[in-house]
Amino acid sequence: LQYAWQTSWGVSTRLIGAVVMVHGDDSGLRFPPAVAPVQVVVVPISLGNWRETVLPVAKKVEEDLRRSGIRVVLDDREEFTPGWKFAEWEMRGAPLRLEVGPRDVKDHKAVAVRRDAGLKTPLPLASLTESVNRLLEEIQSGLLDQARAFLKDNTHAVDDYDEFKRLIESRRGFILAPWCGARNCEERVKQETAAGIRVVPLGPGGEGGGLCLSCGGKSEVRAYFARAY
């Protein structure tokens, strides 16, 4: 994964780590479809004579999705049960899983399971590519909305040092606070609260105003403080 991202898309391991931390949950990774190494995994349900009935349909689904430009994997490994595969691909963060079983073949559909929400949706095989592309777009937008909401809920703006110390002890996240620009002021805050400056925003939000959190002098900028873990 690291090698693929660095060579194909030219991104850093730091960015990979940020994606993992922002979107992951207790079940493992949750990759946004735009950067997911595998966007869709097709899992044929191995019941009865599934190699004659289910597998050909699953292979056709894989071929159609790949032709449309979707990064897809057909997991037809016989040594693992479907449930084991479900758990593995959830842990790996594949945005969408397509289940194809004997009943689905009979009904001319596949069951789509979203990694972001766990929702199951039956999709007609006749329009599967269009439906999958739509779901991937919804997952991409949904993960972005979740990340933005989480960031907003865990970012606080303060001007008072006592309030700063109260928040840093009781809440997680970032605190936007005035800073005069002096290193010794940042060091004082870090020594007293274990919170250091993570970034000074450019443009709106980073302008000065108010008094420095540490020395009480004129603020040159507003900086984001947070503890490192």
C-alpha atoms as a PDB file:
ATOM      1  CA  LEU A   1       0.000   0.000   0.000  1.00  0.00           C
ATOM      2  CA  GLN A   2       2.692   2.481   0.998  1.00  0.00           C
ATOM      3  CA  TYR A   3       4.707   1.665  -2.114  1.00  0.00           C
ATOM      4  CA  ALA A   4       1.680   1.964  -4.387  1.00  0.00           C
ATOM      5  CA  TRP A   5       0.710   5.376  -3.063  1.00  0.00           C
ATOM      6  CA  GLN A   6       4.234   6.792  -3.124  1.00  0.00           C
ATOM      7  CA  THR A   7       5.009   5.648  -6.645  1.00  0.00           C
ATOM      8  CA  SER A   8       1.626   6.038  -8.311  1.00  0.00           C
ATOM      9  CA  TRP A   9       0.212   9.141  -6.644  1.00  0.00           C
ATOM     10  CA  GLY A  10       3.296  10.747  -5.120  1.00  0.00           C
ATOM     11  CA  VAL A  11       1.947  11.210  -1.601  1.00  0.00           C
ATOM     12  CA  SER A  12       3.830  10.890   1.661  1.00  0.00           C
ATOM     13  CA  THR A  13       3.581   8.312   4.415  1.00  0.00           C
ATOM     14  CA  ARG A  14       2.459  11.181   6.659  1.00  0.00           C
ATOM     15  CA  LEU A  15      -0.579  11.701   4.436  1.00  0.00           C
ATOM     16  CA  ILE A  16      -1.322   7.970   4.483  1.00  0.00           C
ATOM     17  CA  GLY A  17      -1.191   8.065   8.285  1.00  0.00           C
ATOM     18  CA  ALA A  18      -3.553  11.049   8.342  1.00  0.00           C
ATOM     19  CA  VAL A  19      -6.107   9.210   6.183  1.00  0.00           C
ATOM     20  CA  VAL A  20      -5.920   6.166   8.463  1.00  0.00           C
ATOM     21  CA  MET A  21      -6.334   8.224  11.648  1.00  0.00           C
ATOM     22  CA  VAL A  22      -9.110  10.453  10.330  1.00  0.00           C
ATOM     23  CA  HIS A  23     -11.319   7.770   8.801  1.00  0.00           C
ATOM     24  CA  GLY A  24     -10.482   4.505  10.605  1.00  0.00           C
ATOM     25  CA  ASP A  25     -12.817   2.952  13.162  1.00  0.00           C
ATOM     26  CA  ASP A  26     -12.808   0.040  15.625  1.00  0.00           C
ATOM     27  CA  SER A  27     -13.125  -2.474  12.764  1.00  0.00           C
ATOM     28  CA  GLY A  28     -10.066  -1.229  10.889  1.00  0.00           C
ATOM     29  CA  LEU A  29      -9.397   1.059   7.950  1.00  0.00           C
ATOM     30  CA  ARG A  30     -11.976   3.085   6.060  1.00  0.00           C
ATOM     31  CA  PHE A  31     -10.529   4.415   2.826  1.00  0.00           C
ATOM     32  CA  PRO A  32     -12.223   7.170   0.814  1.00  0.00           C
ATOM     33  CA  PRO A  33     -12.932   5.658  -2.619  1.00  0.00           C
ATOM     34  CA  ALA A  34     -10.778   8.241  -4.401  1.00  0.00           C
ATOM     35  CA  VAL A  35      -7.603   6.908  -2.736  1.00  0.00           C
ATOM     36  CA  ALA A  36      -8.611   3.315  -1.936  1.00  0.00           C
ATOM     37  CA  PRO A  37      -6.253   0.733  -3.486  1.00  0.00           C
ATOM     38  CA  VAL A  38      -9.317  -1.531  -3.808  1.00  0.00           C
ATOM     39  CA  GLN A  39     -12.583   0.335  -4.246  1.00  0.00           C
ATOM     40  CA  VAL A  40     -14.872  -2.682  -4.593  1.00  0.00           C
ATOM     41  CA  VAL A  41     -14.463  -6.288  -3.515  1.00  0.00           C
ATOM     42  CA  VAL A  42     -16.742  -8.917  -5.036  1.00  0.00           C
ATOM     43  CA  VAL A  43     -17.389 -11.881  -2.750  1.00  0.00           C
ATOM     44  CA  PRO A  44     -19.196 -14.912  -4.239  1.00  0.00           C
ATOM     45  CA  ILE A  45     -21.124 -16.863  -1.615  1.00  0.00           C
ATOM     46  CA  SER A  46     -19.807 -20.420  -1.700  1.00  0.00           C
ATOM     47  CA  LEU A  47     -22.934 -22.527  -1.286  1.00  0.00           C
ATOM     48  CA  GLY A  48     -23.839 -25.659  -3.212  1.00  0.00           C
ATOM     49  CA  ASN A  49     -22.444 -25.801  -6.732  1.00  0.00           C
ATOM     50  CA  TRP A  50     -21.416 -22.148  -6.525  1.00  0.00           C
ATOM     51  CA  ARG A  51     -18.527 -22.556  -8.966  1.00  0.00           C
ATOM     52  CA  GLU A  52     -21.007 -23.369 -11.730  1.00  0.00           C
ATOM     53  CA  THR A  53     -23.804 -20.976 -10.738  1.00  0.00           C
ATOM     54  CA  VAL A  54     -22.443 -18.066  -8.702  1.00  0.00           C
ATOM     55  CA  LEU A  55     -18.799 -17.682  -9.741  1.00  0.00           C
ATOM     56  CA  PRO A  56     -19.451 -16.946 -13.448  1.00  0.00           C
ATOM     57  CA  VAL A  57     -21.809 -14.132 -12.472  1.00  0.00           C
ATOM     58  CA  ALA A  58     -19.308 -12.759  -9.955  1.00  0.00           C
ATOM     59  CA  LYS A  59     -16.559 -12.811 -12.602  1.00  0.00           C
ATOM     60  CA  LYS A  60     -18.822 -10.932 -15.013  1.00  0.00           C
ATOM     61  CA  VAL A  61     -19.468  -8.319 -12.320  1.00  0.00           C
ATOM     62  CA  GLU A  62     -15.735  -7.950 -11.765  1.00  0.00           C
ATOM     63  CA  GLU A  63     -15.024  -7.581 -15.483  1.00  0.00           C
ATOM     64  CA  ASP A  64     -17.761  -4.972 -16.000  1.00  0.00           C
ATOM     65  CA  LEU A  65     -16.588  -2.878 -13.056  1.00  0.00           C
ATOM     66  CA  ARG A  66     -12.941  -3.047 -14.142  1.00  0.00           C
ATOM     67  CA  ARG A  67     -13.822  -1.962 -17.669  1.00  0.00           C
ATOM     68  CA  SER A  68     -15.545   1.094 -16.207  1.00  0.00           C
ATOM     69  CA  GLY A  69     -12.347   2.112 -14.398  1.00  0.00           C
ATOM     70  CA  ILE A  70     -13.198   0.874 -10.912  1.00  0.00           C
ATOM     71  CA  ARG A  71     -10.422  -0.756  -8.882  1.00  0.00           C
ATOM     72  CA  VAL A  72     -12.022  -4.110  -8.094  1.00  0.00           C
ATOM     73  CA  VAL A  73     -10.975  -7.461  -6.646  1.00  0.00           C
ATOM     74  CA  LEU A  74     -12.807 -10.788  -6.933  1.00  0.00           C
ATOM     75  CA  ASP A  75     -12.222 -12.767  -3.751  1.00  0.00           C
ATOM     76  CA  ASP A  76     -12.949 -16.340  -4.783  1.00  0.00           C
ATOM     77  CA  ARG A  77     -10.537 -17.994  -2.344  1.00  0.00           C
ATOM     78  CA  GLU A  78     -11.937 -21.378  -1.323  1.00  0.00           C
ATOM     79  CA  GLU A  79      -9.944 -21.734   1.907  1.00  0.00           C
ATOM     80  CA  PHE A  80     -11.904 -18.965   3.654  1.00  0.00           C
ATOM     81  CA  THR A  81     -15.598 -18.615   4.440  1.00  0.00           C
ATOM     82  CA  PRO A  82     -17.573 -15.609   3.190  1.00  0.00           C
ATOM     83  CA  GLY A  83     -17.833 -14.289   6.754  1.00  0.00           C
ATOM     84  CA  TRP A  84     -14.061 -14.408   7.150  1.00  0.00           C
ATOM     85  CA  LYS A  85     -13.655 -12.488   3.897  1.00  0.00           C
ATOM     86  CA  PHE A  86     -16.200  -9.878   4.989  1.00  0.00           C
ATOM     87  CA  ALA A  87     -14.240  -9.212   8.176  1.00  0.00           C
ATOM     88  CA  GLU A  88     -10.900  -9.097   6.361  1.00  0.00           C
ATOM     89  CA  TRP A  89     -12.044  -6.585   3.758  1.00  0.00           C
ATOM     90  CA  GLU A  90     -13.688  -4.440   6.415  1.00  0.00           C
ATOM     91  CA  MET A  91     -10.362  -4.348   8.233  1.00  0.00           C
ATOM     92  CA  ARG A  92      -8.577  -3.462   4.987  1.00  0.00           C
ATOM     93  CA  GLY A  93     -10.986  -0.587   4.407  1.00  0.00           C
ATOM     94  CA  ALA A  94     -12.459  -1.449   1.003  1.00  0.00           C
ATOM     95  CA  PRO A  95     -15.241   1.147   0.555  1.00  0.00           C
ATOM     96  CA  LEU A  96     -17.774  -1.217  -1.010  1.00  0.00           C
ATOM     97  CA  ARG A  97     -18.406  -4.960  -0.893  1.00  0.00           C
ATOM     98  CA  LEU A  98     -20.595  -6.777  -3.397  1.00  0.00           C
ATOM     99  CA  GLU A  99     -22.033 -10.113  -2.293  1.00  0.00           C
ATOM    100  CA  VAL A 100     -23.260 -12.521  -4.957  1.00  0.00           C
ATOM    101  CA  GLY A 101     -25.030 -15.665  -3.766  1.00  0.00           C
ATOM    102  CA  PRO A 102     -27.292 -18.319  -5.315  1.00  0.00           C
ATOM    103  CA  ARG A 103     -30.446 -16.386  -4.451  1.00  0.00           C
ATOM    104  CA  ASP A 104     -28.949 -13.172  -5.809  1.00  0.00           C
ATOM    105  CA  VAL A 105     -28.118 -14.873  -9.107  1.00  0.00           C
ATOM    106  CA  LYS A 106     -31.694 -16.111  -9.323  1.00  0.00           C
ATOM    107  CA  ASP A 107     -33.017 -12.609  -8.640  1.00  0.00           C
ATOM    108  CA  HIS A 108     -30.521 -10.952 -11.033  1.00  0.00           C
ATOM    109  CA  LYS A 109     -28.998  -8.732  -8.367  1.00  0.00           C
ATOM    110  CA  ALA A 110     -26.020  -8.287  -6.043  1.00  0.00           C
ATOM    111  CA  VAL A 111     -26.015  -7.021  -2.463  1.00  0.00           C
ATOM    112  CA  ALA A 112     -23.869  -3.949  -1.873  1.00  0.00           C
ATOM    113  CA  VAL A 113     -22.488  -3.345   1.636  1.00  0.00           C
ATOM    114  CA  ARG A 114     -21.004   0.069   2.415  1.00  0.00           C
ATOM    115  CA  ARG A 115     -17.919   0.104   4.614  1.00  0.00           C
ATOM    116  CA  ASP A 116     -18.649   3.605   5.935  1.00  0.00           C
ATOM    117  CA  ALA A 117     -22.147   2.885   7.231  1.00  0.00           C
ATOM    118  CA  GLY A 118     -22.613  -0.896   7.020  1.00  0.00           C
ATOM    119  CA  LEU A 119     -25.777  -0.417   4.962  1.00  0.00           C
ATOM    120  CA  LYS A 120     -26.900  -3.263   2.698  1.00  0.00           C
ATOM    121  CA  THR A 121     -28.550  -2.444  -0.616  1.00  0.00           C
ATOM    122  CA  PRO A 122     -29.729  -4.867  -3.329  1.00  0.00           C
ATOM    123  CA  LEU A 123     -28.607  -3.674  -6.764  1.00  0.00           C
ATOM    124  CA  PRO A 124     -29.918  -4.980 -10.097  1.00  0.00           C
ATOM    125  CA  LEU A 125     -27.164  -6.543 -12.185  1.00  0.00           C
ATOM    126  CA  ALA A 126     -28.425  -4.786 -15.316  1.00  0.00           C
ATOM    127  CA  SER A 127     -27.429  -1.361 -13.967  1.00  0.00           C
ATOM    128  CA  LEU A 128     -24.767  -2.415 -11.492  1.00  0.00           C
ATOM    129  CA  THR A 129     -21.906  -0.277 -12.793  1.00  0.00           C
ATOM    130  CA  GLU A 130     -23.951   2.912 -12.597  1.00  0.00           C
ATOM    131  CA  SER A 131     -25.205   2.026  -9.114  1.00  0.00           C
ATOM    132  CA  VAL A 132     -21.707   1.233  -7.845  1.00  0.00           C
ATOM    133  CA  ASN A 133     -20.302   4.520  -9.159  1.00  0.00           C
ATOM    134  CA  ARG A 134     -23.117   6.388  -7.442  1.00  0.00           C
ATOM    135  CA  LEU A 135     -22.492   4.605  -4.143  1.00  0.00           C
ATOM    136  CA  LEU A 136     -18.766   5.312  -4.318  1.00  0.00           C
ATOM    137  CA  GLU A 137     -19.518   9.008  -4.802  1.00  0.00           C
ATOM    138  CA  GLU A 138     -21.875   8.944  -1.816  1.00  0.00           C
ATOM    139  CA  ILE A 139     -19.259   7.214   0.341  1.00  0.00           C
ATOM    140  CA  GLN A 140     -16.618   9.749  -0.688  1.00  0.00           C
ATOM    141  CA  SER A 141     -18.886  12.677   0.201  1.00  0.00           C
ATOM    142  CA  GLY A 142     -20.098  11.015   3.390  1.00  0.00           C
ATOM    143  CA  LEU A 143     -16.601  10.387   4.745  1.00  0.00           C
ATOM    144  CA  LEU A 144     -15.622  13.971   3.984  1.00  0.00           C
ATOM    145  CA  ASP A 145     -18.713  15.290   5.789  1.00  0.00           C
ATOM    146  CA  GLN A 146     -17.983  13.063   8.797  1.00  0.00           C
ATOM    147  CA  ALA A 147     -14.366  14.249   8.949  1.00  0.00           C
ATOM    148  CA  ARG A 148     -15.374  17.906   8.716  1.00  0.00           C
ATOM    149  CA  ALA A 149     -17.988  17.496  11.433  1.00  0.00           C
ATOM    150  CA  PHE A 150     -15.492  15.726  13.707  1.00  0.00           C
ATOM    151  CA  LEU A 151     -12.918  18.474  13.160  1.00  0.00           C
ATOM    152  CA  LYS A 152     -15.465  21.183  13.910  1.00  0.00           C
ATOM    153  CA  ASP A 153     -16.683  19.448  17.071  1.00  0.00           C
ATOM    154  CA  ASN A 154     -13.117  19.049  18.337  1.00  0.00           C
ATOM    155  CA  THR A 155     -11.752  22.509  17.540  1.00  0.00           C
ATOM    156  CA  HIS A 156     -12.212  25.343  20.046  1.00  0.00           C
ATOM    157  CA  ALA A 157     -11.232  29.019  19.975  1.00  0.00           C
ATOM    158  CA  VAL A 158     -10.227  30.721  23.236  1.00  0.00           C
ATOM    159  CA  ASP A 159      -8.563  33.950  24.357  1.00  0.00           C
ATOM    160  CA  ASP A 160      -8.226  33.200  28.074  1.00  0.00           C
ATOM    161  CA  TYR A 161      -5.363  31.067  29.383  1.00  0.00           C
ATOM    162  CA  ASP A 162      -7.390  29.581  32.226  1.00  0.00           C
ATOM    163  CA  GLU A 163     -10.055  28.498  29.748  1.00  0.00           C
ATOM    164  CA  PHE A 164      -7.298  27.082  27.540  1.00  0.00           C
ATOM    165  CA  LYS A 165      -5.951  24.951  30.387  1.00  0.00           C
ATOM    166  CA  ARG A 166      -9.444  23.771  31.304  1.00  0.00           C
ATOM    167  CA  LEU A 167     -10.159  22.677  27.733  1.00  0.00           C
ATOM    168  CA  ILE A 168      -6.817  20.977  27.219  1.00  0.00           C
ATOM    169  CA  GLU A 169      -7.484  18.845  30.301  1.00  0.00           C
ATOM    170  CA  SER A 170     -11.120  18.013  29.567  1.00  0.00           C
ATOM    171  CA  ARG A 171     -11.459  17.881  25.769  1.00  0.00           C
ATOM    172  CA  ARG A 172      -9.550  16.353  22.894  1.00  0.00           C
ATOM    173  CA  GLY A 173      -8.655  18.188  19.711  1.00  0.00           C
ATOM    174  CA  PHE A 174      -7.291  21.575  18.714  1.00  0.00           C
ATOM    175  CA  ILE A 175      -7.457  24.935  20.444  1.00  0.00           C
ATOM    176  CA  LEU A 176      -7.112  28.097  18.367  1.00  0.00           C
ATOM    177  CA  ALA A 177      -5.524  30.784  20.547  1.00  0.00           C
ATOM    178  CA  PRO A 178      -3.602  34.072  20.178  1.00  0.00           C
ATOM    179  CA  TRP A 179       0.197  33.939  20.169  1.00  0.00           C
ATOM    180  CA  CYS A 180       2.749  36.745  20.027  1.00  0.00           C
ATOM    181  CA  GLY A 181       5.164  34.708  17.919  1.00  0.00           C
ATOM    182  CA  ALA A 182       7.848  34.319  20.587  1.00  0.00           C
ATOM    183  CA  ARG A 183       9.291  30.843  21.040  1.00  0.00           C
ATOM    184  CA  ASN A 184       9.605  31.238  24.823  1.00  0.00           C
ATOM    185  CA  CYS A 185       5.857  31.856  25.051  1.00  0.00           C
ATOM    186  CA  GLU A 186       5.140  28.656  23.147  1.00  0.00           C
ATOM    187  CA  GLU A 187       7.585  26.793  25.389  1.00  0.00           C
ATOM    188  CA  ARG A 188       5.900  28.097  28.528  1.00  0.00           C
ATOM    189  CA  VAL A 189       2.514  26.863  27.349  1.00  0.00           C
ATOM    190  CA  LYS A 190       4.032  23.512  26.407  1.00  0.00           C
ATOM    191  CA  GLN A 191       5.727  23.086  29.783  1.00  0.00           C
ATOM    192  CA  GLU A 192       2.579  23.972  31.718  1.00  0.00           C
ATOM    193  CA  THR A 193      -0.024  22.132  29.636  1.00  0.00           C
ATOM    194  CA  ALA A 194       1.904  19.671  27.391  1.00  0.00           C
ATOM    195  CA  ALA A 195       0.232  21.367  24.401  1.00  0.00           C
ATOM    196  CA  GLY A 196       2.344  22.765  21.584  1.00  0.00           C
ATOM    197  CA  ILE A 197       1.647  24.631  18.375  1.00  0.00           C
ATOM    198  CA  ARG A 198       0.692  22.255  15.564  1.00  0.00           C
ATOM    199  CA  VAL A 199       0.073  24.751  12.767  1.00  0.00           C
ATOM    200  CA  VAL A 200      -0.404  28.465  12.138  1.00  0.00           C
ATOM    201  CA  PRO A 201      -3.256  28.833   9.641  1.00  0.00           C
ATOM    202  CA  LEU A 202      -2.793  30.998   6.572  1.00  0.00           C
ATOM    203  CA  GLY A 203      -5.586  33.395   5.702  1.00  0.00           C
ATOM    204  CA  PRO A 204      -8.890  33.450   7.613  1.00  0.00           C
ATOM    205  CA  GLY A 205      -8.497  32.163  11.164  1.00  0.00           C
ATOM    206  CA  GLY A 206      -4.799  32.871  11.464  1.00  0.00           C
ATOM    207  CA  GLU A 207      -4.866  36.643  11.791  1.00  0.00           C
ATOM    208  CA  GLY A 208      -3.700  38.251  15.000  1.00  0.00           C
ATOM    209  CA  GLY A 209      -5.915  40.028  17.480  1.00  0.00           C
ATOM    210  CA  GLY A 210      -6.253  39.898  21.211  1.00  0.00           C
ATOM    211  CA  LEU A 211      -3.448  39.220  23.664  1.00  0.00           C
ATOM    212  CA  CYS A 212      -0.890  36.429  23.636  1.00  0.00           C
ATOM    213  CA  LEU A 213      -2.001  33.405  25.578  1.00  0.00           C
ATOM    214  CA  SER A 214       1.276  33.312  27.499  1.00  0.00           C
ATOM    215  CA  CYS A 215       2.777  36.788  27.983  1.00  0.00           C
ATOM    216  CA  GLY A 216      -0.265  38.992  27.459  1.00  0.00           C
ATOM    217  CA  GLY A 217       1.484  40.965  24.728  1.00  0.00           C
ATOM    218  CA  LYS A 218       0.026  41.857  21.347  1.00  0.00           C
ATOM    219  CA  SER A 219      -0.919  38.791  19.343  1.00  0.00           C
ATOM    220  CA  GLU A 220       0.714  38.451  15.937  1.00  0.00           C
ATOM    221  CA  VAL A 221      -1.200  35.359  14.877  1.00  0.00           C
ATOM    222  CA  ARG A 222      -3.645  32.755  16.118  1.00  0.00           C
ATOM    223  CA  ALA A 223      -2.207  29.265  16.248  1.00  0.00           C
ATOM    224  CA  TYR A 224      -3.634  25.802  16.721  1.00  0.00           C
ATOM    225  CA  PHE A 225      -2.415  24.164  19.933  1.00  0.00           C
ATOM    226  CA  ALA A 226      -2.806  20.488  20.771  1.00  0.00           C
ATOM    227  CA  ARG A 227      -1.202  17.725  22.763  1.00  0.00           C
ATOM    228  CA  ALA A 228       0.833  15.046  21.033  1.00  0.00           C
ATOM    229  CA  TYR A 229       0.016  11.419  21.829  1.00  0.00           C
END
